[in-house]
Amino acid sequence: MQRRAPKKVKKHSILLRIALLVFVAYSIHMIVGYQIQLLDINRDYEQLAARRAELNLSLVELETLLNSDSQDLIIRAAQDRLGYVFPNETIFVVE
């Protein structure tokens, strides 16, 4: 009967496993970091989209005011936005 020599544990395979584990951990860390950045960017995008919608609404209102010949609309806009008043006019602010 022939005796088999005991198998030696290869040190480089242990080092390879450790290196692979470190690589996988680093990859997971980077992916999670990118996901967090993506969530922040999406949140900023939604805020900017809402702001854009508000500005578009304001733009439409201003274009309507600009294109209209109605004196009442012009007076109301001057009073509301610019704070203009007629001579001898008193403004009361109710809060």
C-alpha atoms as a PDB file:
ATOM      1  CA  MET A   1       0.000   0.000   0.000  1.00  0.00           C
ATOM      2  CA  GLN A   2       1.286   3.396  -0.977  1.00  0.00           C
ATOM      3  CA  ARG A   3       1.273   6.260   1.487  1.00  0.00           C
ATOM      4  CA  ARG A   4       0.044   9.626   0.394  1.00  0.00           C
ATOM      5  CA  ALA A   5       1.902  12.701   1.428  1.00  0.00           C
ATOM      6  CA  PRO A   6      -0.172  15.155   3.502  1.00  0.00           C
ATOM      7  CA  LYS A   7      -1.467  18.085   1.496  1.00  0.00           C
ATOM      8  CA  LYS A   8       0.129  21.419   2.194  1.00  0.00           C
ATOM      9  CA  VAL A   9      -2.091  24.407   2.602  1.00  0.00           C
ATOM     10  CA  LYS A  10      -1.130  26.864  -0.033  1.00  0.00           C
ATOM     11  CA  LYS A  11      -0.409  30.253   1.482  1.00  0.00           C
ATOM     12  CA  HIS A  12      -1.014  32.076  -1.734  1.00  0.00           C
ATOM     13  CA  SER A  13      -4.573  30.725  -1.917  1.00  0.00           C
ATOM     14  CA  ILE A  14      -5.303  32.196   1.521  1.00  0.00           C
ATOM     15  CA  LEU A  15      -3.824  35.516   0.433  1.00  0.00           C
ATOM     16  CA  LEU A  16      -5.871  35.341  -2.734  1.00  0.00           C
ATOM     17  CA  ARG A  17      -9.038  34.786  -0.733  1.00  0.00           C
ATOM     18  CA  ILE A  18      -8.237  37.714   1.547  1.00  0.00           C
ATOM     19  CA  ALA A  19      -7.528  39.932  -1.464  1.00  0.00           C
ATOM     20  CA  LEU A  20     -10.815  38.847  -3.057  1.00  0.00           C
ATOM     21  CA  LEU A  21     -12.691  39.569   0.184  1.00  0.00           C
ATOM     22  CA  VAL A  22     -11.127  43.031   0.394  1.00  0.00           C
ATOM     23  CA  PHE A  23     -12.021  43.712  -3.250  1.00  0.00           C
ATOM     24  CA  VAL A  24     -15.644  42.634  -2.733  1.00  0.00           C
ATOM     25  CA  ALA A  25     -15.960  44.735   0.441  1.00  0.00           C
ATOM     26  CA  TYR A  26     -14.516  47.776  -1.350  1.00  0.00           C
ATOM     27  CA  SER A  27     -16.850  47.244  -4.309  1.00  0.00           C
ATOM     28  CA  ILE A  28     -19.902  47.035  -2.043  1.00  0.00           C
ATOM     29  CA  HIS A  29     -18.771  50.177  -0.219  1.00  0.00           C
ATOM     30  CA  MET A  30     -18.425  52.081  -3.493  1.00  0.00           C
ATOM     31  CA  ILE A  31     -21.792  50.875  -4.832  1.00  0.00           C
ATOM     32  CA  VAL A  32     -23.568  51.966  -1.648  1.00  0.00           C
ATOM     33  CA  GLY A  33     -21.836  55.344  -1.837  1.00  0.00           C
ATOM     34  CA  TYR A  34     -22.955  55.806  -5.444  1.00  0.00           C
ATOM     35  CA  GLN A  35     -26.516  54.865  -4.524  1.00  0.00           C
ATOM     36  CA  ILE A  36     -26.552  57.518  -1.788  1.00  0.00           C
ATOM     37  CA  GLN A  37     -25.226  60.109  -4.248  1.00  0.00           C
ATOM     38  CA  LEU A  38     -27.891  59.075  -6.757  1.00  0.00           C
ATOM     39  CA  LEU A  39     -30.641  59.518  -4.166  1.00  0.00           C
ATOM     40  CA  ASP A  40     -29.328  63.010  -3.337  1.00  0.00           C
ATOM     41  CA  ILE A  41     -29.188  63.951  -7.012  1.00  0.00           C
ATOM     42  CA  ASN A  42     -32.743  62.673  -7.591  1.00  0.00           C
ATOM     43  CA  ARG A  43     -33.997  64.670  -4.596  1.00  0.00           C
ATOM     44  CA  ASP A  44     -32.303  67.800  -5.950  1.00  0.00           C
ATOM     45  CA  TYR A  45     -33.775  67.131  -9.398  1.00  0.00           C
ATOM     46  CA  GLU A  46     -37.296  66.872  -7.982  1.00  0.00           C
ATOM     47  CA  GLN A  47     -36.858  70.144  -6.088  1.00  0.00           C
ATOM     48  CA  LEU A  48     -35.556  71.870  -9.197  1.00  0.00           C
ATOM     49  CA  ALA A  49     -38.400  70.452 -11.291  1.00  0.00           C
ATOM     50  CA  ALA A  50     -40.937  71.828  -8.794  1.00  0.00           C
ATOM     51  CA  ARG A  51     -39.200  75.213  -8.842  1.00  0.00           C
ATOM     52  CA  ARG A  52     -39.224  75.176 -12.645  1.00  0.00           C
ATOM     53  CA  ALA A  53     -42.966  74.485 -12.657  1.00  0.00           C
ATOM     54  CA  GLU A  54     -43.521  77.444 -10.319  1.00  0.00           C
ATOM     55  CA  LEU A  55     -41.418  79.705 -12.523  1.00  0.00           C
ATOM     56  CA  ASN A  56     -43.233  78.555 -15.662  1.00  0.00           C
ATOM     57  CA  LEU A  57     -46.548  79.365 -14.026  1.00  0.00           C
ATOM     58  CA  SER A  58     -45.252  82.788 -13.065  1.00  0.00           C
ATOM     59  CA  LEU A  59     -43.958  83.295 -16.604  1.00  0.00           C
ATOM     60  CA  VAL A  60     -47.338  82.456 -18.104  1.00  0.00           C
ATOM     61  CA  GLU A  61     -49.007  84.879 -15.727  1.00  0.00           C
ATOM     62  CA  LEU A  62     -46.546  87.633 -16.617  1.00  0.00           C
ATOM     63  CA  GLU A  63     -46.908  86.991 -20.345  1.00  0.00           C
ATOM     64  CA  THR A  64     -50.679  87.169 -19.985  1.00  0.00           C
ATOM     65  CA  LEU A  65     -50.333  90.435 -18.118  1.00  0.00           C
ATOM     66  CA  LEU A  66     -47.935  91.797 -20.704  1.00  0.00           C
ATOM     67  CA  ASN A  67     -50.171  90.878 -23.623  1.00  0.00           C
ATOM     68  CA  SER A  68     -53.375  92.155 -22.060  1.00  0.00           C
ATOM     69  CA  ASP A  69     -54.578  95.685 -22.451  1.00  0.00           C
ATOM     70  CA  SER A  70     -56.588  95.596 -19.260  1.00  0.00           C
ATOM     71  CA  GLN A  71     -55.700  98.530 -17.066  1.00  0.00           C
ATOM     72  CA  ASP A  72     -57.056  96.736 -13.967  1.00  0.00           C
ATOM     73  CA  LEU A  73     -54.588  93.891 -14.325  1.00  0.00           C
ATOM     74  CA  ILE A  74     -51.696  96.308 -14.665  1.00  0.00           C
ATOM     75  CA  ILE A  75     -52.795  98.289 -11.616  1.00  0.00           C
ATOM     76  CA  ARG A  76     -53.260  95.126  -9.542  1.00  0.00           C
ATOM     77  CA  ALA A  77     -49.834  93.804 -10.506  1.00  0.00           C
ATOM     78  CA  ALA A  78     -48.174  97.119  -9.699  1.00  0.00           C
ATOM     79  CA  GLN A  79     -49.864  97.205  -6.308  1.00  0.00           C
ATOM     80  CA  ASP A  80     -49.277  93.558  -5.394  1.00  0.00           C
ATOM     81  CA  ARG A  81     -45.765  92.994  -6.672  1.00  0.00           C
ATOM     82  CA  LEU A  82     -44.181  96.409  -6.592  1.00  0.00           C
ATOM     83  CA  GLY A  83     -46.063  97.976  -3.705  1.00  0.00           C
ATOM     84  CA  TYR A  84     -47.198 100.985  -5.726  1.00  0.00           C
ATOM     85  CA  VAL A  85     -50.100 103.025  -4.432  1.00  0.00           C
ATOM     86  CA  PHE A  86     -52.148 105.875  -5.788  1.00  0.00           C
ATOM     87  CA  PRO A  87     -51.666 109.317  -4.290  1.00  0.00           C
ATOM     88  CA  ASN A  88     -53.743 109.752  -1.094  1.00  0.00           C
ATOM     89  CA  GLU A  89     -54.330 105.958  -0.937  1.00  0.00           C
ATOM     90  CA  THR A  90     -53.861 104.124   2.376  1.00  0.00           C
ATOM     91  CA  ILE A  91     -52.970 100.425   2.449  1.00  0.00           C
ATOM     92  CA  PHE A  92     -54.059  98.264   5.383  1.00  0.00           C
ATOM     93  CA  VAL A  93     -52.373  94.880   5.855  1.00  0.00           C
ATOM     94  CA  VAL A  94     -54.461  92.294   7.706  1.00  0.00           C
ATOM     95  CA  GLU A  95     -52.525  89.403   9.178  1.00  0.00           C
END
